[in-house]
Amino acid sequence: SALLSHAATPPEEQVEVVDMDDAAVPEAAEAQAAAEAAPADPAPEPVADPDPVPDAEPEPVPEPEPEPEPVPEPPAEPEPVPDAEPELPPVPEPDVPEAGGAPDTTGTGVTAADQLTFGERMACGSAARLVASVVLHPFDTLRTRAQARKRASVYARPSVIDVCTKGLIPQALLAMPAGAVQFATLEYVKEGLAGTVKDRTARNLIASAVGAVAASSIRVPQEVIKQPVQAGLYPNALASARSALRRGPRGLYRGLGATVVRDAPWNSLGFTIWQLLRVVTRAPPSAWADLVLGGVGGAVAALILTPMDVVKTRLMTQSASDAVQYSGLASTFSRIAKEEGAGALFRGAVPRVLYLAPLAALVYAVYEAAARQLLKLKERREEAAE
């Protein structure tokens, strides 16, 4: 049918019709003939086996040592829960008190008077010395009579009224300015030394000694007028003052050296011992604590310095009619020891201690009590102003 259709078609329209199956045959035959004509690949040479290694006996593998059983760690202790610490009160700055208040100065050595002004300290010192001098005047009279040179007037037993009243007027009138000057000077010097003398005890020793020296400007005339009356040499303070002034103003300062040598160490030791005991015992600020601790300080200082008090009393109680005249501190000291024995230098030690121990107790207790009251009064005023 293909041939018929090809014959029937005109020549210009004849198209060669190729059977796809017939065309593929010669190509396949050519590929097969080329494959047969190619040389065959040589067969791979056999690889000789290596020399056989004789079987070696396997080395015995040591059995692993059994691992030690792990020791169980002890269970961790639970962290202790800290107990709630009690809230502590804030520690106040002792040298910088709160406005108007009196901070707790227990064990610090800071006194209530440290927080006062100069004028307020004078007022407290004046009140302290007045109270102590008036209350203890009878003991002072007995001490003076025991230490004065023996005369008929001194040998005579005084009445109770004489013991309580003789010399009381100059004692009371001059005690106030003497106390004001003493404590105002003491506190002023103590503050001034704060920048150079770091040790509080050393500052107390120096400041209290300087305060006593300053107070001697009033204390010596007081003693010159008072003690002859107490000893029975003059009937009253006016007669004693007139006798002293016969020598001029210097007559009022007879025995100044002995008084300074006696009062400065006594005030220095007594005040410092009182302050140390307040720190060591951590006694709270109170009148009773100051009475006890101040008394101990005053007693110890009084006993140590009794010889100086005897010398001072001899110088102040002698009169112009006495055949033997004392002059000078060292001369009087050696003369008493030579003529009367060393025991005479401690004459009147018991009444002196009985007088000065309560004196120190009252002075320091009243001084601090007055300072605390002033601080409270200032605080109330400030609260009222707010």
Foldseek 3Di string as FASTA:
>chain_A
DVVVVQVVDDPVPHDDDDDPVVVVVVVVVVVVVVVVVDDDDDDDDDDDDPDDDPDDDDDDDDDDDDDDDDDDDDPDDPDDDDDDDDDDPDDDDQQDDDQLAHDWCQLPLRFLCLPDDLVLLLQLQLVLQLVLQLVLQLLVLVLLLQLEDDDPLSPDDDDPCLSNDQLNVLSNVLSRNLRSQLRSQLSVQLVVCVVPDVDSLVSLLVSNLVSQLRSLVRVQLSCLQRSLRSSRVDVHSVVSNVQQCVVPPVSSCFLVVLSSVLRSQLRSQLRSQLSVCSNVVSDTDALVSLLVRSLVSNLVSLQVRQLSVSLSSHRSNDHPPDPDHDDDRVRSSVVCCVPPNPVSSCGSSVSSSVSRSNSRSSSRSSSRVSSNVSSNVSVVVVVVVD
